[in-house]
C-alpha atoms as a PDB file:
ATOM      1  CA  MET A   1     -32.325  30.064  -5.680  1.00  0.00           C
ATOM      2  CA  PRO A   2     -30.606  32.373  -3.126  1.00  0.00           C
ATOM      3  CA  ALA A   3     -32.804  34.793  -1.205  1.00  0.00           C
ATOM      4  CA  ASP A   4     -30.985  37.825  -2.622  1.00  0.00           C
ATOM      5  CA  SER A   5     -30.878  36.685  -6.252  1.00  0.00           C
ATOM      6  CA  TRP A   6     -32.863  39.773  -7.272  1.00  0.00           C
ATOM      7  CA  LYS A   7     -29.915  42.020  -6.278  1.00  0.00           C
ATOM      8  CA  LEU A   8     -28.156  42.727  -9.568  1.00  0.00           C
ATOM      9  CA  ALA A   9     -25.295  45.174 -10.093  1.00  0.00           C
ATOM     10  CA  PRO A  10     -25.929  47.835 -12.739  1.00  0.00           C
ATOM     11  CA  GLY A  11     -24.592  47.073 -16.202  1.00  0.00           C
ATOM     12  CA  LEU A  12     -23.737  49.039 -19.360  1.00  0.00           C
ATOM     13  CA  ASN A  13     -27.389  49.482 -20.303  1.00  0.00           C
ATOM     14  CA  ASN A  14     -28.465  50.827 -16.905  1.00  0.00           C
ATOM     15  CA  VAL A  15     -29.971  54.172 -17.928  1.00  0.00           C
ATOM     16  CA  GLY A  16     -29.965  55.701 -14.457  1.00  0.00           C
ATOM     17  CA  SER A  17     -26.189  55.333 -14.198  1.00  0.00           C
ATOM     18  CA  PHE A  18     -25.775  57.629 -17.170  1.00  0.00           C
ATOM     19  CA  GLN A  19     -28.475  60.169 -16.215  1.00  0.00           C
ATOM     20  CA  VAL A  20     -26.844  61.317 -12.992  1.00  0.00           C
ATOM     21  CA  SER A  21     -23.720  63.419 -12.661  1.00  0.00           C
ATOM     22  CA  GLY A  22     -20.481  61.474 -12.838  1.00  0.00           C
ATOM     23  CA  LYS A  23     -18.084  60.778  -9.995  1.00  0.00           C
ATOM     24  CA  PRO A  24     -15.021  63.020 -10.697  1.00  0.00           C
ATOM     25  CA  PHE A  25     -11.788  61.604 -12.089  1.00  0.00           C
ATOM     26  CA  ALA A  26      -8.703  63.585 -13.142  1.00  0.00           C
ATOM     27  CA  THR A  27      -5.095  62.867 -14.002  1.00  0.00           C
ATOM     28  CA  GLY A  28      -2.702  65.613 -15.055  1.00  0.00           C
ATOM     29  CA  SER A  29       0.571  66.103 -16.925  1.00  0.00           C
ATOM     30  CA  PHE A  30       0.538  62.567 -18.330  1.00  0.00           C
ATOM     31  CA  ASP A  31       3.657  61.946 -20.466  1.00  0.00           C
ATOM     32  CA  CYS A  32       2.844  59.692 -23.426  1.00  0.00           C
ATOM     33  CA  LYS A  33       5.691  60.444 -25.781  1.00  0.00           C
ATOM     34  CA  ARG A  34       6.562  57.023 -27.074  1.00  0.00           C
ATOM     35  CA  ASP A  35      10.240  56.248 -26.921  1.00  0.00           C
ATOM     36  CA  ALA A  36      11.428  52.911 -25.554  1.00  0.00           C
ATOM     37  CA  ARG A  37       8.385  52.477 -23.317  1.00  0.00           C
ATOM     38  CA  PRO A  38       5.595  50.059 -24.213  1.00  0.00           C
ATOM     39  CA  LEU A  39       2.221  51.495 -25.161  1.00  0.00           C
ATOM     40  CA  THR A  40       0.679  49.902 -22.087  1.00  0.00           C
ATOM     41  CA  ASP A  41       2.540  52.540 -20.034  1.00  0.00           C
ATOM     42  CA  CYS A  42       0.267  55.118 -21.646  1.00  0.00           C
ATOM     43  CA  GLU A  43      -3.023  53.508 -20.715  1.00  0.00           C
ATOM     44  CA  VAL A  44      -5.382  55.553 -18.527  1.00  0.00           C
ATOM     45  CA  VAL A  45      -7.356  53.009 -16.509  1.00  0.00           C
ATOM     46  CA  PHE A  46     -10.599  54.310 -15.094  1.00  0.00           C
ATOM     47  CA  PRO A  47     -11.717  52.729 -11.804  1.00  0.00           C
ATOM     48  CA  TYR A  48     -15.330  52.569 -13.082  1.00  0.00           C
ATOM     49  CA  VAL A  49     -16.991  52.812 -16.504  1.00  0.00           C
ATOM     50  CA  THR A  50     -17.045  56.413 -17.717  1.00  0.00           C
ATOM     51  CA  ARG A  51     -20.181  58.449 -18.314  1.00  0.00           C
ATOM     52  CA  TRP A  52     -17.999  60.926 -20.233  1.00  0.00           C
ATOM     53  CA  PHE A  53     -14.342  61.926 -20.546  1.00  0.00           C
ATOM     54  CA  LYS A  54     -12.223  64.715 -21.998  1.00  0.00           C
ATOM     55  CA  VAL A  55      -8.585  64.664 -23.117  1.00  0.00           C
ATOM     56  CA  ILE A  56      -6.566  67.876 -23.010  1.00  0.00           C
ATOM     57  CA  ASN A  57      -3.295  68.178 -24.959  1.00  0.00           C
ATOM     58  CA  LYS A  58      -1.023  70.895 -23.516  1.00  0.00           C
ATOM     59  CA  ASP A  59       2.085  69.862 -25.515  1.00  0.00           C
ATOM     60  CA  GLN A  60       2.919  72.595 -28.065  1.00  0.00           C
ATOM     61  CA  SER A  61       5.186  70.313 -30.106  1.00  0.00           C
ATOM     62  CA  ASN A  62       3.337  66.992 -30.363  1.00  0.00           C
ATOM     63  CA  ALA A  63      -0.131  65.821 -31.355  1.00  0.00           C
ATOM     64  CA  CYS A  64      -1.912  63.360 -29.080  1.00  0.00           C
ATOM     65  CA  LYS A  65      -3.331  60.104 -30.437  1.00  0.00           C
ATOM     66  CA  ILE A  66      -6.229  58.453 -28.551  1.00  0.00           C
ATOM     67  CA  SER A  67      -7.579  54.922 -28.846  1.00  0.00           C
ATOM     68  CA  PHE A  68     -10.002  52.723 -26.903  1.00  0.00           C
ATOM     69  CA  SER A  69      -7.811  49.609 -26.991  1.00  0.00           C
ATOM     70  CA  LEU A  70      -4.190  48.636 -27.527  1.00  0.00           C
ATOM     71  CA  ASN A  71      -5.225  47.050 -30.835  1.00  0.00           C
ATOM     72  CA  GLY A  72      -6.861  50.328 -31.901  1.00  0.00           C
ATOM     73  CA  MET A  73      -3.594  52.155 -31.242  1.00  0.00           C
ATOM     74  CA  THR A  74      -1.310  49.658 -32.974  1.00  0.00           C
ATOM     75  CA  SER A  75      -3.427  48.148 -35.761  1.00  0.00           C
ATOM     76  CA  THR A  76      -2.157  48.586 -39.314  1.00  0.00           C
ATOM     77  CA  GLY A  77      -4.354  48.974 -42.360  1.00  0.00           C
ATOM     78  CA  THR A  78      -7.244  50.523 -40.448  1.00  0.00           C
ATOM     79  CA  VAL A  79      -7.130  53.542 -38.225  1.00  0.00           C
ATOM     80  CA  ASN A  80      -9.155  53.044 -35.059  1.00  0.00           C
ATOM     81  CA  ASN A  81      -7.992  56.102 -33.157  1.00  0.00           C
ATOM     82  CA  PHE A  82      -8.243  59.881 -33.317  1.00  0.00           C
ATOM     83  CA  THR A  83      -5.767  62.741 -32.932  1.00  0.00           C
ATOM     84  CA  ILE A  84      -5.804  65.961 -30.930  1.00  0.00           C
ATOM     85  CA  PRO A  85      -3.478  68.570 -32.476  1.00  0.00           C
ATOM     86  CA  PRO A  86      -0.610  70.182 -30.539  1.00  0.00           C
ATOM     87  CA  ALA A  87      -1.445  73.042 -28.192  1.00  0.00           C
ATOM     88  CA  ASP A  88      -1.389  76.493 -29.732  1.00  0.00           C
ATOM     89  CA  ALA A  89       1.313  78.866 -28.418  1.00  0.00           C
ATOM     90  CA  ASP A  90      -1.204  81.708 -28.187  1.00  0.00           C
ATOM     91  CA  ALA A  91      -4.550  80.001 -27.564  1.00  0.00           C
ATOM     92  CA  GLY A  92      -3.231  77.245 -25.254  1.00  0.00           C
ATOM     93  CA  ALA A  93      -4.341  73.653 -24.820  1.00  0.00           C
ATOM     94  CA  VAL A  94      -6.448  71.778 -27.378  1.00  0.00           C
ATOM     95  CA  THR A  95      -9.177  69.408 -26.159  1.00  0.00           C
ATOM     96  CA  SER A  96     -11.166  66.482 -27.428  1.00  0.00           C
ATOM     97  CA  GLY A  97     -14.291  68.116 -26.065  1.00  0.00           C
ATOM     98  CA  ILE A  98     -16.531  66.061 -23.812  1.00  0.00           C
ATOM     99  CA  LEU A  99     -16.954  62.581 -25.229  1.00  0.00           C
ATOM    100  CA  GLU A 100     -20.025  60.800 -23.799  1.00  0.00           C
ATOM    101  CA  LEU A 101     -18.685  57.280 -24.140  1.00  0.00           C
ATOM    102  CA  LYS A 102     -18.714  54.295 -21.805  1.00  0.00           C
ATOM    103  CA  VAL A 103     -15.152  52.990 -21.565  1.00  0.00           C
ATOM    104  CA  SER A 104     -12.972  51.461 -18.886  1.00  0.00           C
ATOM    105  CA  SER A 105      -9.658  52.742 -20.235  1.00  0.00           C
ATOM    106  CA  ILE A 106      -8.103  54.758 -23.048  1.00  0.00           C
ATOM    107  CA  PHE A 107      -4.648  54.614 -24.659  1.00  0.00           C
ATOM    108  CA  ILE A 108      -2.697  57.821 -25.348  1.00  0.00           C
ATOM    109  CA  SER A 109       0.389  58.270 -27.497  1.00  0.00           C
ATOM    110  CA  GLY A 110       2.546  61.090 -28.841  1.00  0.00           C
ATOM    111  CA  SER A 111       2.177  63.970 -26.379  1.00  0.00           C
ATOM    112  CA  THR A 112       4.396  64.823 -23.401  1.00  0.00           C
ATOM    113  CA  ASP A 113       1.710  66.772 -21.477  1.00  0.00           C
ATOM    114  CA  VAL A 114      -1.833  65.396 -21.417  1.00  0.00           C
ATOM    115  CA  ASP A 115      -4.629  65.828 -18.874  1.00  0.00           C
ATOM    116  CA  VAL A 116      -7.635  63.474 -18.692  1.00  0.00           C
ATOM    117  CA  VAL A 117     -10.841  64.430 -16.903  1.00  0.00           C
ATOM    118  CA  ALA A 118     -13.834  62.103 -16.622  1.00  0.00           C
ATOM    119  CA  GLY A 119     -17.204  61.601 -14.977  1.00  0.00           C
ATOM    120  CA  LEU A 120     -17.547  58.029 -13.766  1.00  0.00           C
ATOM    121  CA  THR A 121     -20.577  55.854 -13.202  1.00  0.00           C
ATOM    122  CA  TRP A 122     -20.693  53.301 -10.368  1.00  0.00           C
ATOM    123  CA  ILE A 123     -20.652  50.469 -12.977  1.00  0.00           C
ATOM    124  CA  ASP A 124     -17.768  48.079 -12.378  1.00  0.00           C
ATOM    125  CA  ARG A 125     -15.122  48.342 -15.103  1.00  0.00           C
ATOM    126  CA  SER A 126     -15.255  44.569 -15.646  1.00  0.00           C
ATOM    127  CA  ARG A 127     -18.624  45.121 -17.403  1.00  0.00           C
ATOM    128  CA  THR A 128     -16.699  46.187 -20.535  1.00  0.00           C
ATOM    129  CA  ASP A 129     -14.732  42.892 -20.677  1.00  0.00           C
ATOM    130  CA  THR A 130     -14.965  41.095 -24.007  1.00  0.00           C
ATOM    131  CA  ASP A 131     -13.499  37.853 -25.340  1.00  0.00           C
ATOM    132  CA  THR A 132     -10.506  39.904 -26.614  1.00  0.00           C
ATOM    133  CA  GLY A 133      -9.844  41.543 -23.261  1.00  0.00           C
ATOM    134  CA  PRO A 134     -10.993  44.568 -21.345  1.00  0.00           C
ATOM    135  CA  ASN A 135     -12.670  47.491 -23.083  1.00  0.00           C
ATOM    136  CA  TRP A 136     -13.388  47.413 -26.805  1.00  0.00           C
ATOM    137  CA  SER A 137     -11.564  45.329 -29.376  1.00  0.00           C
ATOM    138  CA  GLY A 138     -10.079  47.934 -31.682  1.00  0.00           C
ATOM    139  CA  SER A 139     -11.700  46.409 -34.761  1.00  0.00           C
ATOM    140  CA  SER A 140     -14.682  47.318 -36.961  1.00  0.00           C
ATOM    141  CA  GLY A 141     -14.253  51.039 -36.372  1.00  0.00           C
ATOM    142  CA  VAL A 142     -13.951  50.770 -32.611  1.00  0.00           C
ATOM    143  CA  GLY A 143     -10.555  52.061 -31.530  1.00  0.00           C
END
């Protein structure tokens, strides 16, 4: 057994990683209006697992659809995503609110002007890998 075998990287159930403030992450004016581009062009990839994130739709003409996997965005029969309405001309942008979820990426579709803000842990994003790929599968209610 190696001498440093006790050194383990934090995983998804590491409580301390979610008790401290998150490392800041922001991307602005993301254009996710789906035309001829593949949905993978509208994936926001976080460098680490999130402690929380917030999606802001500033597009006054288009709603913004959010999913936690490509399957969740494209699956038929079940809806494993949620929608943020278009921005209000008077009140301004509409947000998802702060979502305290541990994800390594999100998929966005529909809006031409989206901001994403997140607080990141120091947990490597590969910790969300599953047998169906990175992040969550998009089945059984997980989008």
